[in-house]
Amino acid sequence: MRVRAWPRLLVAGVLVLLIPLFSAVQVRAADPLGQVTEFTAGLTPDSAPSRITEGPDGNLWFTAGSDPGKTARIGRITPDGTITEFTAGLTPDGGPVGITTGPDGNLWFVEIQGPGRVGRITPAGVITEFTGGVTPGFTAGGAPLGITAGPDGNLWFTEFGDPGRIGRITPAGVVTEFTTGLTPGRGPAEITTGADGNLWFTEGRGTGGIGRITTDGTITEFTTGLTTGSQPNRITAGPDGNLWFTEFTNPGRIGRITTSGIITEFSEGLTQNSGLLGIVTGCDGNLWFTELADPGRIGRITPAGMIAEFTAGLTPGFTPNSGPVGIAAGPDDNIWFTETKDPGRIARIGAGCGAPPPPPPPPSPPPPLAVLVVQPGFTG
């Protein structure tokens, strides 16, 4: 028996109608410029979130519990805001601070309290620690603070405690420390890889300075053009091939240093004594930074030095007096940051990188009307 064709035609027609609908589904666009969204669900209250970085798994990873008396945690937040915390295998009073993605596909972090540690956490949450005074070559009590992935396939970290050191750890856990060329007591703080294939770091104590260390351990310090006692803090590679850093005090500035060591400072448009901390290059080709002092701000500076600020309490969704600290560029073309003050938050702000939504498709024209053709001899 011959199967009637109209059911197959109906199914085919439905599929033809559905194909444009499926093809129109878009990944959520990045948030509009300056739009802030905060997340607390899944975050332990009063855990003091600190540093944050983009992970190898498309999520953001952060440290928490760095203050004395707080329980250490490593956290993960998805771009849609789902938070998971990890503590198993982590020293409870270790004080995790800097965190970065390593060349081995894991997250690496440092712990400033006690003997000091470098930690590794897999995307699945398995933690391993390497402890100062126990791991060969790793001095106890060095106060590790910042960490970054180096161009040589190793991790490089700072030791803020006197007299100060720059450390290198291989993915297998072999530690080497460097001190030759460092001014004692200047406090190496944060570190990043520059466009020149060297490591660049800030020195936040005393007169302060910016340092450079080659992968073979040769250190050079730069101070010309830097305000004395300004406490250089975080540092990042800029979109212009230079290094950009924050100065926490006196009264606070954004600094730029070329790979040849020429320093320029910027302060016009910047709130004085705002407590500048984290800095990162955004998807828009600008530098974004956090300002800790109440009410809290997120700042943006162009490579030409033009500064704009987004102030908590004035910017919708941005809780005042929440203490912005760490900052990272997310995989979703937003800027993500931590808010350390009780109860603590993880937040994102739109950098304005999202493409505008496509215009709706024009309405389909109505189907043509059927025309009845009367043949000769047709009587109805």
Protein backbone atom coordinates (compact mmCIF):
# COMPACT_ATOMS: atom_id res chain seq x y z
CA MET A 1 0.00 0.00 0.00
CA ARG A 2 1.37 3.43 -0.93
CA VAL A 3 2.08 5.67 2.07
CA ARG A 4 0.57 9.11 1.78
CA ALA A 5 3.28 11.77 1.33
CA TRP A 6 1.73 14.63 3.33
CA PRO A 7 2.96 13.54 6.83
CA ARG A 8 6.55 13.50 5.55
CA LEU A 9 6.06 16.88 3.96
CA LEU A 10 4.66 18.25 7.22
CA VAL A 11 7.69 17.07 9.23
CA ALA A 12 10.06 18.49 6.65
CA GLY A 13 8.23 21.82 6.79
CA VAL A 14 8.51 21.96 10.57
CA LEU A 15 12.26 21.29 10.37
CA VAL A 16 12.67 24.05 7.80
CA LEU A 17 10.92 26.45 10.17
CA LEU A 18 13.03 25.36 13.17
CA ILE A 19 16.41 25.66 11.48
CA PRO A 20 16.39 29.49 11.43
CA LEU A 21 15.33 29.50 15.09
CA PHE A 22 18.25 27.29 16.16
CA SER A 23 20.73 29.23 14.04
CA ALA A 24 19.58 32.45 15.72
CA VAL A 25 20.54 31.18 19.20
CA GLN A 26 23.53 33.25 20.39
CA VAL A 27 26.00 32.84 23.24
CA ARG A 28 25.22 35.46 25.88
CA ALA A 29 26.88 38.71 24.88
CA ALA A 30 29.33 40.43 27.20
CA ASP A 31 27.76 42.86 29.63
CA PRO A 32 27.34 46.52 28.65
CA LEU A 33 30.09 48.94 29.64
CA GLY A 34 30.04 49.61 33.39
CA GLN A 35 27.28 47.13 34.28
CA VAL A 36 28.15 45.40 37.57
CA THR A 37 26.81 42.03 38.73
CA GLU A 38 27.74 40.59 42.14
CA PHE A 39 27.63 36.97 43.32
CA THR A 40 27.52 35.59 46.87
CA ALA A 41 25.67 32.26 46.66
CA GLY A 42 28.11 29.45 47.45
CA LEU A 43 30.69 31.84 48.91
CA THR A 44 31.52 31.39 52.60
CA PRO A 45 30.61 34.66 54.39
CA ASP A 46 33.51 36.74 55.67
CA SER A 47 36.06 34.60 53.83
CA ALA A 48 37.81 37.69 52.36
CA PRO A 49 38.15 36.81 48.65
CA SER A 50 41.51 38.10 47.42
CA ARG A 51 43.16 37.43 44.03
CA ILE A 52 41.39 36.09 40.93
CA THR A 53 42.50 34.72 37.56
CA GLU A 54 41.10 33.08 34.45
CA GLY A 55 41.47 29.32 34.61
CA PRO A 56 42.29 26.80 31.87
CA ASP A 57 38.73 25.43 32.10
CA GLY A 58 36.89 28.60 31.07
CA ASN A 59 36.07 29.54 34.67
CA LEU A 60 37.50 32.10 37.09
CA TRP A 61 39.53 30.91 40.10
CA PHE A 62 40.17 32.90 43.25
CA THR A 63 41.84 32.73 46.64
CA ALA A 64 40.14 33.47 49.96
CA GLY A 65 41.04 33.42 53.64
CA SER A 66 44.39 35.18 53.32
CA ASP A 67 43.91 37.22 56.51
CA PRO A 68 45.12 35.75 59.83
CA GLY A 69 42.34 33.88 61.61
CA LYS A 70 40.43 33.04 58.42
CA THR A 71 40.19 29.56 56.92
CA ALA A 72 41.95 29.24 53.59
CA ARG A 73 39.96 28.43 50.47
CA ILE A 74 40.44 28.19 46.74
CA GLY A 75 37.29 29.11 44.85
CA ARG A 76 35.95 28.64 41.35
CA ILE A 77 33.20 30.67 39.73
CA THR A 78 31.66 29.94 36.35
CA PRO A 79 30.84 32.80 33.97
CA ASP A 80 27.17 32.40 34.96
CA GLY A 81 28.04 32.86 38.65
CA THR A 82 28.09 29.34 40.14
CA ILE A 83 30.63 29.23 42.98
CA THR A 84 32.44 26.16 44.33
CA GLU A 85 35.01 26.23 47.15
CA PHE A 86 37.86 23.78 47.77
CA THR A 87 39.63 23.23 51.10
CA ALA A 88 40.72 19.57 51.13
CA GLY A 89 44.52 19.38 51.15
CA LEU A 90 44.87 23.11 51.84
CA THR A 91 46.57 24.33 55.03
CA PRO A 92 43.72 26.04 56.93
CA ASP A 93 45.80 29.01 58.11
CA GLY A 94 48.12 29.21 55.10
CA GLY A 95 46.77 32.52 53.80
CA PRO A 96 46.47 31.98 50.02
CA VAL A 97 47.04 35.14 47.97
CA GLY A 98 48.35 35.22 44.37
CA ILE A 99 46.95 32.72 41.85
CA THR A 100 47.65 32.03 38.19
CA THR A 101 47.14 29.40 35.50
CA GLY A 102 50.21 27.23 35.04
CA PRO A 103 51.73 25.75 31.88
CA ASP A 104 50.57 22.30 33.03
CA GLY A 105 46.85 23.13 32.88
CA ASN A 106 46.53 23.52 36.65
CA LEU A 107 46.12 26.56 38.89
CA TRP A 108 49.09 27.62 41.01
CA PHE A 109 48.91 29.84 44.08
CA VAL A 110 51.05 31.06 46.95
CA GLU A 111 50.36 31.10 50.70
CA ILE A 112 51.86 33.98 52.68
CA GLN A 113 51.38 32.84 56.29
CA GLY A 114 53.65 30.62 58.41
CA PRO A 115 56.58 29.03 56.61
CA GLY A 116 55.02 29.99 53.26
CA ARG A 117 53.89 27.64 50.54
CA VAL A 118 53.33 27.31 46.82
CA GLY A 119 50.17 25.37 46.03
CA ARG A 120 48.77 23.64 42.97
CA ILE A 121 45.12 22.81 42.35
CA THR A 122 43.80 20.83 39.41
CA PRO A 123 40.59 21.94 37.66
CA ALA A 124 38.97 19.00 39.48
CA GLY A 125 39.98 20.49 42.85
CA VAL A 126 42.91 18.28 43.91
CA ILE A 127 45.41 20.34 45.93
CA THR A 128 49.15 19.81 46.45
CA GLU A 129 51.38 22.09 48.56
CA PHE A 130 55.12 22.77 48.51
CA THR A 131 56.23 24.17 51.86
CA GLY A 132 59.01 26.60 52.76
CA GLY A 133 61.66 24.95 54.92
CA VAL A 134 60.52 21.50 53.77
CA THR A 135 60.78 21.70 49.98
CA PRO A 136 64.51 21.88 49.07
CA GLY A 137 65.63 25.35 48.00
CA PHE A 138 62.54 27.05 49.46
CA THR A 139 63.30 29.33 52.43
CA ALA A 140 60.86 29.18 55.34
CA GLY A 141 59.14 32.43 56.34
CA GLY A 142 59.70 34.20 53.01
CA ALA A 143 56.05 35.35 52.78
CA PRO A 144 55.24 34.36 49.16
CA LEU A 145 52.83 36.93 47.71
CA GLY A 146 52.59 37.02 43.90
CA ILE A 147 52.87 34.28 41.26
CA THR A 148 52.79 34.06 37.47
CA ALA A 149 53.51 31.62 34.67
CA GLY A 150 56.88 32.28 33.09
CA PRO A 151 57.91 32.03 29.44
CA ASP A 152 60.19 29.11 30.35
CA GLY A 153 57.43 26.71 31.37
CA ASN A 154 57.94 27.33 35.10
CA LEU A 155 56.10 29.33 37.75
CA TRP A 156 57.74 32.45 39.19
CA PHE A 157 56.81 33.96 42.55
CA THR A 158 57.78 36.77 44.90
CA GLU A 159 58.79 36.52 48.54
CA PHE A 160 57.75 39.72 50.29
CA GLY A 161 59.43 39.03 53.65
CA ASP A 162 62.84 40.49 54.45
CA PRO A 163 65.28 40.48 52.83
CA GLY A 164 63.13 39.57 49.79
CA ARG A 165 63.53 36.95 47.07
CA ILE A 166 62.28 35.93 43.66
CA GLY A 167 61.44 32.24 43.45
CA ARG A 168 61.02 29.80 40.59
CA ILE A 169 59.21 26.48 40.85
CA THR A 170 58.95 23.86 38.14
CA PRO A 171 55.65 22.03 37.54
CA ALA A 172 57.32 19.08 39.31
CA GLY A 173 57.92 21.20 42.43
CA VAL A 174 61.65 22.02 42.22
CA VAL A 175 62.31 25.44 43.79
CA THR A 176 65.15 27.88 43.10
CA GLU A 177 65.45 31.31 44.77
CA PHE A 178 67.25 34.43 43.51
CA THR A 179 68.50 37.41 45.54
CA THR A 180 71.54 38.83 43.71
CA GLY A 181 70.64 42.31 42.44
CA LEU A 182 67.71 42.78 44.84
CA THR A 183 67.81 45.70 47.27
CA PRO A 184 67.21 44.11 50.70
CA GLY A 185 64.00 45.14 52.43
CA ARG A 186 62.17 46.49 49.37
CA GLY A 187 59.59 43.74 49.48
CA PRO A 188 59.06 42.02 46.11
CA ALA A 189 55.26 42.04 45.79
CA GLU A 190 53.66 41.00 42.49
CA ILE A 191 55.08 39.53 39.30
CA THR A 192 54.12 39.06 35.65
CA THR A 193 55.67 38.07 32.32
CA GLY A 194 56.58 40.91 29.97
CA ALA A 195 56.51 41.12 26.20
CA ASP A 196 60.32 40.91 26.25
CA GLY A 197 60.33 37.38 27.65
CA ASN A 198 61.46 38.46 31.11
CA LEU A 199 59.65 38.53 34.45
CA TRP A 200 58.74 41.93 35.88
CA PHE A 201 57.88 42.58 39.52
CA THR A 202 57.00 45.38 41.92
CA GLU A 203 58.81 46.25 45.14
CA GLY A 204 56.35 47.64 47.67
CA ARG A 205 58.42 48.54 50.73
CA GLY A 206 60.70 51.45 51.57
CA THR A 207 61.50 53.64 48.59
CA GLY A 208 59.91 51.08 46.27
CA GLY A 209 60.96 50.00 42.81
CA ILE A 210 60.18 47.97 39.70
CA GLY A 211 62.32 44.92 39.02
CA ARG A 212 63.11 42.71 36.06
CA ILE A 213 64.47 39.17 36.24
CA THR A 214 65.56 37.09 33.29
CA THR A 215 64.77 33.39 33.18
CA ASP A 216 68.39 32.68 34.12
CA GLY A 217 68.02 34.79 37.28
CA THR A 218 69.65 38.13 36.39
CA ILE A 219 67.91 40.95 38.29
CA THR A 220 67.76 44.65 37.41
CA GLU A 221 65.90 47.32 39.43
CA PHE A 222 64.38 50.58 38.17
CA THR A 223 63.41 53.62 40.26
CA THR A 224 63.92 56.71 38.05
CA GLY A 225 60.55 58.38 37.46
CA LEU A 226 58.87 56.47 40.31
CA THR A 227 57.42 58.42 43.24
CA THR A 228 59.37 57.49 46.35
CA GLY A 229 57.38 55.55 48.92
CA SER A 230 54.37 55.03 46.63
CA GLN A 231 54.22 51.28 47.38
CA PRO A 232 54.10 49.75 43.89
CA ASN A 233 51.74 46.80 44.08
CA ARG A 234 50.20 44.76 41.24
CA ILE A 235 51.69 44.61 37.74
CA THR A 236 50.49 43.29 34.38
CA ALA A 237 51.55 43.17 30.74
CA GLY A 238 49.79 45.92 28.78
CA PRO A 239 48.36 45.83 25.26
CA ASP A 240 51.06 48.27 24.15
CA GLY A 241 54.04 46.03 24.95
CA ASN A 242 54.77 47.87 28.21
CA LEU A 243 54.22 46.85 31.83
CA TRP A 244 51.53 48.63 33.85
CA PHE A 245 51.38 48.74 37.64
CA THR A 246 49.49 50.29 40.53
CA GLU A 247 50.90 52.48 43.29
CA PHE A 248 48.92 51.98 46.48
CA THR A 249 49.71 55.21 48.30
CA ASN A 250 51.25 58.69 48.35
CA PRO A 251 48.51 59.39 47.07
CA GLY A 252 48.19 56.60 44.51
CA ARG A 253 48.98 56.43 40.78
CA ILE A 254 48.95 54.17 37.75
CA GLY A 255 52.46 53.54 36.45
CA ARG A 256 53.82 52.39 33.12
CA ILE A 257 57.32 51.05 32.52
CA THR A 258 58.77 50.22 29.13
CA THR A 259 60.87 47.11 28.70
CA SER A 260 63.89 49.42 28.61
CA GLY A 261 62.98 50.75 32.07
CA ILE A 262 61.42 54.17 31.41
CA ILE A 263 58.71 54.91 34.00
CA THR A 264 55.72 57.22 33.51
CA GLU A 265 53.05 57.86 36.16
CA PHE A 266 49.39 58.85 35.64
CA SER A 267 47.01 60.39 38.17
CA GLU A 268 44.72 62.85 36.35
CA GLY A 269 41.14 61.68 36.80
CA LEU A 270 42.10 59.32 39.62
CA THR A 271 40.61 59.66 43.11
CA GLN A 272 43.44 60.33 45.57
CA ASN A 273 44.20 57.84 48.32
CA SER A 274 41.78 55.32 46.79
CA GLY A 275 44.02 52.33 47.53
CA LEU A 276 44.92 51.01 44.08
CA LEU A 277 45.52 47.27 43.93
CA GLY A 278 44.79 44.82 41.10
CA ILE A 279 45.36 45.66 37.43
CA VAL A 280 44.72 43.70 34.23
CA THR A 281 44.42 44.24 30.48
CA GLY A 282 40.82 44.06 29.28
CA CYS A 283 39.26 42.89 26.03
CA ASP A 284 38.85 46.55 25.02
CA GLY A 285 42.61 47.18 24.91
CA ASN A 286 42.59 49.24 28.12
CA LEU A 287 43.88 48.54 31.63
CA TRP A 288 41.34 47.91 34.40
CA PHE A 289 42.15 48.23 38.10
CA THR A 290 40.62 48.03 41.57
CA GLU A 291 40.46 50.76 44.21
CA LEU A 292 40.09 49.37 47.73
CA ALA A 293 39.29 52.47 49.80
CA ASP A 294 35.65 53.18 50.58
CA PRO A 295 33.30 53.36 48.80
CA GLY A 296 35.35 51.27 46.34
CA ARG A 297 35.88 51.78 42.63
CA ILE A 298 36.82 50.00 39.44
CA GLY A 299 39.05 52.13 37.25
CA ARG A 300 39.99 52.05 33.58
CA ILE A 301 43.01 53.67 31.95
CA THR A 302 43.73 53.81 28.24
CA PRO A 303 47.28 53.23 26.94
CA ALA A 304 47.37 57.00 26.39
CA GLY A 305 46.72 57.59 30.10
CA MET A 306 43.03 58.65 30.14
CA ILE A 307 41.37 57.48 33.37
CA ALA A 308 37.71 56.76 34.13
CA GLU A 309 36.25 55.40 37.37
CA PHE A 310 33.12 53.38 38.18
CA THR A 311 32.20 54.12 41.80
CA ALA A 312 30.38 51.77 44.17
CA GLY A 313 27.07 53.19 45.31
CA LEU A 314 26.78 55.24 42.12
CA THR A 315 27.28 52.43 39.60
CA PRO A 316 24.13 50.22 39.67
CA GLY A 317 24.73 46.77 41.17
CA PHE A 318 28.02 47.78 42.83
CA THR A 319 27.79 47.55 46.65
CA PRO A 320 29.58 50.41 48.42
CA ASN A 321 32.31 49.75 50.99
CA SER A 322 32.80 46.19 49.70
CA GLY A 323 36.58 46.43 49.22
CA PRO A 324 37.50 45.60 45.59
CA VAL A 325 40.87 43.82 45.55
CA GLY A 326 41.73 41.30 42.81
CA ILE A 327 40.87 41.66 39.12
CA ALA A 328 41.00 39.46 36.02
CA ALA A 329 39.85 39.43 32.42
CA GLY A 330 37.23 36.73 32.00
CA PRO A 331 36.60 34.35 29.09
CA ASP A 332 33.23 36.07 28.61
CA ASP A 333 34.80 39.45 27.71
CA ASN A 334 33.88 40.88 31.11
CA ILE A 335 36.20 42.07 33.86
CA TRP A 336 35.92 40.02 37.06
CA PHE A 337 36.94 41.22 40.52
CA THR A 338 36.83 40.22 44.17
CA GLU A 339 35.27 42.20 47.01
CA THR A 340 37.01 41.33 50.24
CA LYS A 341 34.91 43.05 52.91
CA ASP A 342 32.23 41.17 54.85
CA PRO A 343 30.39 39.20 53.63
CA GLY A 344 32.61 39.09 50.51
CA ARG A 345 31.58 38.91 46.87
CA ILE A 346 32.77 37.92 43.43
CA ALA A 347 31.68 40.44 40.80
CA ARG A 348 31.98 41.25 37.14
CA ILE A 349 31.80 44.55 35.24
CA GLY A 350 31.15 44.95 31.55
CA ALA A 351 34.07 46.30 29.53
CA GLY A 352 31.81 47.13 26.60
CA CYS A 353 33.32 44.47 24.33
CA GLY A 354 30.13 42.66 23.45
CA ALA A 355 28.81 43.07 19.92
CA PRO A 356 25.33 44.63 19.74
CA PRO A 357 22.59 42.06 19.28
CA PRO A 358 21.76 41.37 15.64
CA PRO A 359 18.60 43.06 14.32
CA PRO A 360 15.53 40.83 14.18
CA PRO A 361 15.00 39.17 10.81
CA PRO A 362 12.42 40.82 8.55
CA PRO A 363 8.98 39.21 8.61
CA SER A 364 8.43 36.51 6.04
CA PRO A 365 6.14 37.48 3.17
CA PRO A 366 2.75 35.77 3.21
CA PRO A 367 2.42 32.74 0.96
CA PRO A 368 0.89 33.45 -2.47
CA LEU A 369 -2.83 32.92 -2.80
CA ALA A 370 -3.93 29.83 -4.64
CA VAL A 371 -5.39 30.55 -8.07
CA LEU A 372 -8.17 28.32 -9.36
CA VAL A 373 -7.76 27.66 -13.06
CA VAL A 374 -10.98 26.54 -14.73
CA GLN A 375 -10.42 24.15 -17.55
CA PRO A 376 -12.78 23.98 -20.47
CA GLY A 377 -15.61 21.62 -19.77
CA PHE A 378 -15.27 21.92 -15.98
CA THR A 379 -18.72 22.23 -14.44
CA GLY A 380 -17.78 22.27 -10.71
